[in-house]
């Protein structure tokens, strides 16, 4: 196998900017920032806008539009316009 052609696969901390939630996983992402993790070691930090702790679908705060009866309401409103 050729050497020096693969990206560095290492532990990286991903931090959600909205909720402050952070988790460690392995990744090849490159970043210039670092953070000291719970174990006292310093790891690369990658900041994300949305994670499972802040996304409305996963937190249960998503808003669903009630579409029940919209077609019937439209038909009733415009039924007199039919010729």
PDB file of N, CA and C in Angstrom:
ATOM      1  N   UNK A   1       0.847  -1.178   0.000  1.00  0.00           N
ATOM      2  CA  UNK A   1       0.000   0.000   0.000  1.00  0.00           C
ATOM      3  C   UNK A   1       0.896   1.246   0.000  1.00  0.00           C
ATOM      4  N   UNK A   2       0.473   2.254  -0.751  1.00  0.00           N
ATOM      5  CA  UNK A   2       1.256   3.483  -0.827  1.00  0.00           C
ATOM      6  C   UNK A   2       1.166   4.261   0.483  1.00  0.00           C
ATOM      7  N   UNK A   3       2.232   4.901   0.837  1.00  0.00           N
ATOM      8  CA  UNK A   3       2.257   5.710   2.054  1.00  0.00           C
ATOM      9  C   UNK A   3       1.958   7.169   1.720  1.00  0.00           C
ATOM     10  N   UNK A   4       1.472   7.897   2.715  1.00  0.00           N
ATOM     11  CA  UNK A   4       1.220   9.340   2.646  1.00  0.00           C
ATOM     12  C   UNK A   4       0.185   9.747   1.601  1.00  0.00           C
ATOM     13  N   UNK A   5      -0.756   8.871   1.287  1.00  0.00           N
ATOM     14  CA  UNK A   5      -1.828   9.265   0.365  1.00  0.00           C
ATOM     15  C   UNK A   5      -3.182   9.322   1.064  1.00  0.00           C
ATOM     16  N   UNK A   6      -3.249   8.802   2.284  1.00  0.00           N
ATOM     17  CA  UNK A   6      -4.510   8.774   3.007  1.00  0.00           C
ATOM     18  C   UNK A   6      -4.579   9.925   4.016  1.00  0.00           C
ATOM     19  N   UNK A   7      -5.770  10.493   4.221  1.00  0.00           N
ATOM     20  CA  UNK A   7      -5.900  11.548   5.232  1.00  0.00           C
ATOM     21  C   UNK A   7      -5.744  10.968   6.640  1.00  0.00           C
ATOM     22  N   UNK A   8      -5.398  11.819   7.562  1.00  0.00           N
ATOM     23  CA  UNK A   8      -5.208  11.401   8.954  1.00  0.00           C
ATOM     24  C   UNK A   8      -6.579  11.126   9.565  1.00  0.00           C
ATOM     25  N   UNK A   9      -6.753   9.926  10.097  1.00  0.00           N
ATOM     26  CA  UNK A   9      -7.997   9.519  10.756  1.00  0.00           C
ATOM     27  C   UNK A   9      -7.766   9.595  12.258  1.00  0.00           C
ATOM     28  N   UNK A  10      -8.454  10.513  12.922  1.00  0.00           N
ATOM     29  CA  UNK A  10      -8.151  10.797  14.320  1.00  0.00           C
ATOM     30  C   UNK A  10      -9.422  11.135  15.091  1.00  0.00           C
ATOM     31  N   UNK A  11      -9.300  11.215  16.418  1.00  0.00           N
ATOM     32  CA  UNK A  11     -10.412  11.641  17.263  1.00  0.00           C
ATOM     33  C   UNK A  11     -10.627  13.129  17.072  1.00  0.00           C
ATOM     34  N   UNK A  12     -11.889  13.534  16.895  1.00  0.00           N
ATOM     35  CA  UNK A  12     -12.253  14.941  16.702  1.00  0.00           C
ATOM     36  C   UNK A  12     -13.487  15.233  17.555  1.00  0.00           C
ATOM     37  N   UNK A  13     -13.523  16.418  18.134  1.00  0.00           N
ATOM     38  CA  UNK A  13     -14.686  16.867  18.903  1.00  0.00           C
ATOM     39  C   UNK A  13     -15.558  17.713  17.988  1.00  0.00           C
ATOM     40  N   UNK A  14     -16.840  17.363  17.901  1.00  0.00           N
ATOM     41  CA  UNK A  14     -17.824  18.155  17.167  1.00  0.00           C
ATOM     42  C   UNK A  14     -18.686  18.865  18.197  1.00  0.00           C
ATOM     43  N   UNK A  15     -18.822  20.185  18.066  1.00  0.00           N
ATOM     44  CA  UNK A  15     -19.582  20.975  19.038  1.00  0.00           C
ATOM     45  C   UNK A  15     -20.703  21.723  18.340  1.00  0.00           C
ATOM     46  N   UNK A  16     -21.925  21.546  18.845  1.00  0.00           N
ATOM     47  CA  UNK A  16     -23.106  22.226  18.334  1.00  0.00           C
ATOM     48  C   UNK A  16     -23.126  23.647  18.889  1.00  0.00           C
ATOM     49  N   UNK A  17     -23.139  24.646  18.011  1.00  0.00           N
ATOM     50  CA  UNK A  17     -23.103  26.039  18.444  1.00  0.00           C
ATOM     51  C   UNK A  17     -24.410  26.497  19.067  1.00  0.00           C
ATOM     52  N   UNK A  18     -25.531  25.884  18.718  1.00  0.00           N
ATOM     53  CA  UNK A  18     -26.818  26.302  19.256  1.00  0.00           C
ATOM     54  C   UNK A  18     -27.058  25.782  20.669  1.00  0.00           C
ATOM     55  N   UNK A  19     -26.739  24.519  20.898  1.00  0.00           N
ATOM     56  CA  UNK A  19     -27.054  23.921  22.196  1.00  0.00           C
ATOM     57  C   UNK A  19     -25.834  23.759  23.100  1.00  0.00           C
ATOM     58  N   UNK A  20     -24.641  23.861  22.545  1.00  0.00           N
ATOM     59  CA  UNK A  20     -23.443  23.658  23.341  1.00  0.00           C
ATOM     60  C   UNK A  20     -23.076  22.186  23.497  1.00  0.00           C
ATOM     61  N   UNK A  21     -23.863  21.293  22.932  1.00  0.00           N
ATOM     62  CA  UNK A  21     -23.625  19.860  23.001  1.00  0.00           C
ATOM     63  C   UNK A  21     -22.376  19.511  22.201  1.00  0.00           C
ATOM     64  N   UNK A  22     -21.523  18.672  22.773  1.00  0.00           N
ATOM     65  CA  UNK A  22     -20.298  18.260  22.091  1.00  0.00           C
ATOM     66  C   UNK A  22     -20.148  16.753  22.203  1.00  0.00           C
ATOM     67  N   UNK A  23     -19.580  16.158  21.156  1.00  0.00           N
ATOM     68  CA  UNK A  23     -19.325  14.727  21.182  1.00  0.00           C
ATOM     69  C   UNK A  23     -18.034  14.436  20.431  1.00  0.00           C
ATOM     70  N   UNK A  24     -17.409  13.319  20.820  1.00  0.00           N
ATOM     71  CA  UNK A  24     -16.160  12.924  20.188  1.00  0.00           C
ATOM     72  C   UNK A  24     -16.409  11.728  19.288  1.00  0.00           C
ATOM     73  N   UNK A  25     -15.832  11.782  18.107  1.00  0.00           N
ATOM     74  CA  UNK A  25     -15.868  10.675  17.166  1.00  0.00           C
ATOM     75  C   UNK A  25     -14.593  10.721  16.347  1.00  0.00           C
ATOM     76  N   UNK A  26     -14.410   9.739  15.521  1.00  0.00           N
ATOM     77  CA  UNK A  26     -13.220   9.718  14.668  1.00  0.00           C
ATOM     78  C   UNK A  26     -13.585  10.273  13.301  1.00  0.00           C
ATOM     79  N   UNK A  27     -12.679  11.064  12.734  1.00  0.00           N
ATOM     80  CA  UNK A  27     -12.949  11.719  11.462  1.00  0.00           C
ATOM     81  C   UNK A  27     -11.644  12.097  10.775  1.00  0.00           C
ATOM     82  N   UNK A  28     -11.755  12.379   9.480  1.00  0.00           N
ATOM     83  CA  UNK A  28     -10.610  12.876   8.715  1.00  0.00           C
ATOM     84  C   UNK A  28     -10.727  14.368   8.441  1.00  0.00           C
ATOM     85  N   UNK A  29     -11.710  15.018   9.043  1.00  0.00           N
ATOM     86  CA  UNK A  29     -11.934  16.449   8.811  1.00  0.00           C
ATOM     87  C   UNK A  29     -10.742  17.248   9.332  1.00  0.00           C
ATOM     88  N   UNK A  30     -10.389  18.298   8.602  1.00  0.00           N
ATOM     89  CA  UNK A  30      -9.271  19.138   9.033  1.00  0.00           C
ATOM     90  C   UNK A  30      -9.809  20.391   9.711  1.00  0.00           C
ATOM     91  N   UNK A  31      -9.183  20.777  10.781  1.00  0.00           N
ATOM     92  CA  UNK A  31      -9.589  21.950  11.540  1.00  0.00           C
ATOM     93  C   UNK A  31      -8.370  22.558  12.226  1.00  0.00           C
ATOM     94  N   UNK A  32      -8.433  23.848  12.463  1.00  0.00           N
ATOM     95  CA  UNK A  32      -7.317  24.542  13.104  1.00  0.00           C
ATOM     96  C   UNK A  32      -7.549  24.751  14.599  1.00  0.00           C
ATOM     97  N   UNK A  33      -8.806  24.622  15.044  1.00  0.00           N
ATOM     98  CA  UNK A  33      -9.133  24.843  16.452  1.00  0.00           C
ATOM     99  C   UNK A  33      -8.967  23.561  17.257  1.00  0.00           C
ATOM    100  N   UNK A  34      -8.681  23.722  18.545  1.00  0.00           N
ATOM    101  CA  UNK A  34      -8.567  22.580  19.453  1.00  0.00           C
ATOM    102  C   UNK A  34      -9.353  22.873  20.717  1.00  0.00           C
ATOM    103  N   UNK A  35      -9.623  21.811  21.469  1.00  0.00           N
ATOM    104  CA  UNK A  35     -10.341  21.937  22.728  1.00  0.00           C
ATOM    105  C   UNK A  35      -9.844  20.855  23.676  1.00  0.00           C
ATOM    106  N   UNK A  36      -9.854  21.160  24.976  1.00  0.00           N
ATOM    107  CA  UNK A  36      -9.495  20.164  25.974  1.00  0.00           C
ATOM    108  C   UNK A  36     -10.776  19.410  26.327  1.00  0.00           C
ATOM    109  N   UNK A  37     -10.745  18.085  26.146  1.00  0.00           N
ATOM    110  CA  UNK A  37     -11.919  17.247  26.358  1.00  0.00           C
ATOM    111  C   UNK A  37     -11.996  16.803  27.808  1.00  0.00           C
ATOM    112  N   UNK A  38     -13.028  16.067  28.162  1.00  0.00           N
ATOM    113  CA  UNK A  38     -13.286  15.628  29.534  1.00  0.00           C
ATOM    114  C   UNK A  38     -12.159  14.775  30.108  1.00  0.00           C
ATOM    115  N   UNK A  39     -11.410  14.107  29.251  1.00  0.00           N
ATOM    116  CA  UNK A  39     -10.319  13.254  29.725  1.00  0.00           C
ATOM    117  C   UNK A  39      -9.018  14.034  29.950  1.00  0.00           C
ATOM    118  N   UNK A  40      -9.047  15.352  29.718  1.00  0.00           N
ATOM    119  CA  UNK A  40      -7.884  16.198  29.939  1.00  0.00           C
ATOM    120  C   UNK A  40      -6.965  16.324  28.738  1.00  0.00           C
ATOM    121  N   UNK A  41      -7.250  15.592  27.670  1.00  0.00           N
ATOM    122  CA  UNK A  41      -6.416  15.656  26.465  1.00  0.00           C
ATOM    123  C   UNK A  41      -6.964  16.711  25.506  1.00  0.00           C
ATOM    124  N   UNK A  42      -6.090  17.205  24.656  1.00  0.00           N
ATOM    125  CA  UNK A  42      -6.464  18.222  23.671  1.00  0.00           C
ATOM    126  C   UNK A  42      -6.782  17.540  22.338  1.00  0.00           C
ATOM    127  N   UNK A  43      -7.947  17.900  21.753  1.00  0.00           N
ATOM    128  CA  UNK A  43      -8.397  17.311  20.504  1.00  0.00           C
ATOM    129  C   UNK A  43      -8.769  18.412  19.517  1.00  0.00           C
ATOM    130  N   UNK A  44      -8.750  18.111  18.219  1.00  0.00           N
ATOM    131  CA  UNK A  44      -9.226  19.069  17.217  1.00  0.00           C
ATOM    132  C   UNK A  44     -10.727  19.325  17.435  1.00  0.00           C
ATOM    133  N   UNK A  45     -11.152  20.563  17.199  1.00  0.00           N
ATOM    134  CA  UNK A  45     -12.551  20.957  17.388  1.00  0.00           C
ATOM    135  C   UNK A  45     -13.145  21.386  16.062  1.00  0.00           C
ATOM    136  N   UNK A  46     -14.336  20.866  15.761  1.00  0.00           N
ATOM    137  CA  UNK A  46     -15.081  21.288  14.587  1.00  0.00           C
ATOM    138  C   UNK A  46     -16.454  21.742  15.055  1.00  0.00           C
ATOM    139  N   UNK A  47     -16.820  22.988  14.751  1.00  0.00           N
ATOM    140  CA  UNK A  47     -18.096  23.551  15.187  1.00  0.00           C
ATOM    141  C   UNK A  47     -19.160  23.318  14.114  1.00  0.00           C
ATOM    142  N   UNK A  48     -20.338  22.858  14.553  1.00  0.00           N
ATOM    143  CA  UNK A  48     -21.452  22.602  13.642  1.00  0.00           C
ATOM    144  C   UNK A  48     -22.635  23.468  14.036  1.00  0.00           C
ATOM    145  N   UNK A  49     -23.445  23.829  13.063  1.00  0.00           N
ATOM    146  CA  UNK A  49     -24.619  24.669  13.309  1.00  0.00           C
ATOM    147  C   UNK A  49     -25.777  23.874  13.898  1.00  0.00           C
ATOM    148  N   UNK A  50     -25.936  22.626  13.459  1.00  0.00           N
ATOM    149  CA  UNK A  50     -27.079  21.810  13.876  1.00  0.00           C
ATOM    150  C   UNK A  50     -26.605  20.399  14.179  1.00  0.00           C
ATOM    151  N   UNK A  51     -27.117  19.854  15.273  1.00  0.00           N
ATOM    152  CA  UNK A  51     -26.868  18.451  15.610  1.00  0.00           C
ATOM    153  C   UNK A  51     -28.189  17.846  16.070  1.00  0.00           C
ATOM    154  N   UNK A  52     -28.143  16.609  16.512  1.00  0.00           N
ATOM    155  CA  UNK A  52     -29.366  15.956  16.974  1.00  0.00           C
ATOM    156  C   UNK A  52     -29.917  16.613  18.237  1.00  0.00           C
ATOM    157  N   UNK A  53     -29.113  17.381  18.948  1.00  0.00           N
ATOM    158  CA  UNK A  53     -29.577  18.057  20.167  1.00  0.00           C
ATOM    159  C   UNK A  53     -30.259  19.392  19.876  1.00  0.00           C
ATOM    160  N   UNK A  54     -30.115  19.922  18.649  1.00  0.00           N
ATOM    161  CA  UNK A  54     -30.735  21.210  18.352  1.00  0.00           C
ATOM    162  C   UNK A  54     -31.663  21.175  17.147  1.00  0.00           C
ATOM    163  N   UNK A  55     -31.647  20.092  16.370  1.00  0.00           N
ATOM    164  CA  UNK A  55     -32.506  20.016  15.187  1.00  0.00           C
ATOM    165  C   UNK A  55     -33.954  19.784  15.625  1.00  0.00           C
ATOM    166  N   UNK A  56     -34.912  20.562  15.099  1.00  0.00           N
ATOM    167  CA  UNK A  56     -36.305  20.449  15.517  1.00  0.00           C
ATOM    168  C   UNK A  56     -36.900  19.047  15.364  1.00  0.00           C
ATOM    169  N   UNK A  57     -36.484  18.305  14.366  1.00  0.00           N
ATOM    170  CA  UNK A  57     -37.033  16.962  14.178  1.00  0.00           C
ATOM    171  C   UNK A  57     -36.664  16.053  15.341  1.00  0.00           C
ATOM    172  N   UNK A  58     -35.420  16.126  15.786  1.00  0.00           N
ATOM    173  CA  UNK A  58     -34.952  15.249  16.852  1.00  0.00           C
ATOM    174  C   UNK A  58     -35.351  15.737  18.238  1.00  0.00           C
ATOM    175  N   UNK A  59     -35.539  17.026  18.406  1.00  0.00           N
ATOM    176  CA  UNK A  59     -35.905  17.549  19.721  1.00  0.00           C
ATOM    177  C   UNK A  59     -37.406  17.531  19.955  1.00  0.00           C
ATOM    178  N   UNK A  60     -38.196  17.280  18.908  1.00  0.00           N
ATOM    179  CA  UNK A  60     -39.644  17.218  19.052  1.00  0.00           C
ATOM    180  C   UNK A  60     -40.309  18.575  19.018  1.00  0.00           C
ATOM    181  N   UNK A  61     -39.601  19.600  18.603  1.00  0.00           N
ATOM    182  CA  UNK A  61     -40.180  20.941  18.558  1.00  0.00           C
ATOM    183  C   UNK A  61     -40.567  21.352  17.146  1.00  0.00           C
ATOM    184  N   UNK A  62     -40.533  20.387  16.209  1.00  0.00           N
ATOM    185  CA  UNK A  62     -40.899  20.738  14.835  1.00  0.00           C
ATOM    186  C   UNK A  62     -42.390  21.033  14.758  1.00  0.00           C
ATOM    187  N   UNK A  63     -42.737  21.922  13.876  1.00  0.00           N
ATOM    188  CA  UNK A  63     -44.125  22.339  13.728  1.00  0.00           C
ATOM    189  C   UNK A  63     -44.700  21.709  12.468  1.00  0.00           C
ATOM    190  N   UNK A  64     -45.758  20.987  12.641  1.00  0.00           N
ATOM    191  CA  UNK A  64     -46.438  20.354  11.517  1.00  0.00           C
ATOM    192  C   UNK A  64     -47.663  21.194  11.166  1.00  0.00           C
ATOM    193  N   UNK A  65     -47.836  21.435   9.901  1.00  0.00           N
ATOM    194  CA  UNK A  65     -48.985  22.203   9.436  1.00  0.00           C
ATOM    195  C   UNK A  65     -50.164  21.249   9.310  1.00  0.00           C
ATOM    196  N   UNK A  66     -51.285  21.634   9.898  1.00  0.00           N
ATOM    197  CA  UNK A  66     -52.486  20.808   9.837  1.00  0.00           C
ATOM    198  C   UNK A  66     -53.127  20.980   8.467  1.00  0.00           C
ATOM    199  N   UNK A  67     -53.099  19.933   7.671  1.00  0.00           N
ATOM    200  CA  UNK A  67     -53.634  20.014   6.309  1.00  0.00           C
ATOM    201  C   UNK A  67     -55.000  19.352   6.190  1.00  0.00           C
ATOM    202  N   UNK A  68     -55.521  18.821   7.289  1.00  0.00           N
ATOM    203  CA  UNK A  68     -56.805  18.143   7.235  1.00  0.00           C
ATOM    204  C   UNK A  68     -57.897  19.136   6.871  1.00  0.00           C
ATOM    205  N   UNK A  69     -58.645  18.817   5.842  1.00  0.00           N
ATOM    206  CA  UNK A  69     -59.781  19.636   5.447  1.00  0.00           C
ATOM    207  C   UNK A  69     -59.460  20.797   4.539  1.00  0.00           C
ATOM    208  N   UNK A  70     -58.242  20.995   4.153  1.00  0.00           N
ATOM    209  CA  UNK A  70     -57.901  22.131   3.293  1.00  0.00           C
ATOM    210  C   UNK A  70     -58.518  21.995   1.910  1.00  0.00           C
ATOM    211  N   UNK A  71     -58.510  20.786   1.368  1.00  0.00           N
ATOM    212  CA  UNK A  71     -59.105  20.581   0.044  1.00  0.00           C
ATOM    213  C   UNK A  71     -60.605  20.811   0.118  1.00  0.00           C
ATOM    214  N   UNK A  72     -61.228  20.269   1.152  1.00  0.00           N
ATOM    215  CA  UNK A  72     -62.678  20.451   1.319  1.00  0.00           C
ATOM    216  C   UNK A  72     -63.028  21.925   1.512  1.00  0.00           C
ATOM    217  N   UNK A  73     -62.232  22.626   2.279  1.00  0.00           N
ATOM    218  CA  UNK A  73     -62.471  24.053   2.502  1.00  0.00           C
ATOM    219  C   UNK A  73     -62.350  24.823   1.185  1.00  0.00           C
ATOM    220  N   UNK A  74     -61.343  24.495   0.387  1.00  0.00           N
ATOM    221  CA  UNK A  74     -61.162  25.142  -0.905  1.00  0.00           C
ATOM    222  C   UNK A  74     -62.347  24.854  -1.820  1.00  0.00           C
ATOM    223  N   UNK A  75     -62.772  23.594  -1.879  1.00  0.00           N
ATOM    224  CA  UNK A  75     -63.886  23.204  -2.748  1.00  0.00           C
ATOM    225  C   UNK A  75     -65.175  23.898  -2.337  1.00  0.00           C
ATOM    226  N   UNK A  76     -65.425  23.999  -1.042  1.00  0.00           N
ATOM    227  CA  UNK A  76     -66.626  24.684  -0.558  1.00  0.00           C
ATOM    228  C   UNK A  76     -66.589  26.168  -0.873  1.00  0.00           C
ATOM    229  N   UNK A  77     -65.444  26.766  -0.779  1.00  0.00           N
ATOM    230  CA  UNK A  77     -65.313  28.195  -1.030  1.00  0.00           C
ATOM    231  C   UNK A  77     -65.540  28.540  -2.497  1.00  0.00           C
ATOM    232  N   UNK A  78     -65.066  27.672  -3.396  1.00  0.00           N
ATOM    233  CA  UNK A  78     -65.119  27.981  -4.818  1.00  0.00           C
ATOM    234  C   UNK A  78     -66.089  27.092  -5.609  1.00  0.00           C
ATOM    235  N   UNK A  79     -66.976  26.379  -4.940  1.00  0.00           N
ATOM    236  CA  UNK A  79     -67.879  25.478  -5.650  1.00  0.00           C
ATOM    237  C   UNK A  79     -68.904  26.252  -6.492  1.00  0.00           C
ATOM    238  N   UNK A  80     -69.229  27.468  -6.122  1.00  0.00           N
ATOM    239  CA  UNK A  80     -70.199  28.259  -6.881  1.00  0.00           C
ATOM    240  C   UNK A  80     -69.601  28.846  -8.154  1.00  0.00           C
ATOM    241  N   UNK A  81     -68.289  28.811  -8.303  1.00  0.00           N
ATOM    242  CA  UNK A  81     -67.654  29.349  -9.475  1.00  0.00           C
ATOM    243  C   UNK A  81     -67.661  28.370 -10.655  1.00  0.00           C
ATOM    244  N   UNK A  82     -67.987  27.112 -10.385  1.00  0.00           N
ATOM    245  CA  UNK A  82     -68.035  26.127 -11.476  1.00  0.00           C
ATOM    246  C   UNK A  82     -69.194  26.451 -12.392  1.00  0.00           C
ATOM    247  N   UNK A  83     -69.026  26.241 -13.674  1.00  0.00           N
ATOM    248  CA  UNK A  83     -70.091  26.528 -14.640  1.00  0.00           C
ATOM    249  C   UNK A  83     -70.598  25.282 -15.256  1.00  0.00           C
TER     250      UNK A  83
END
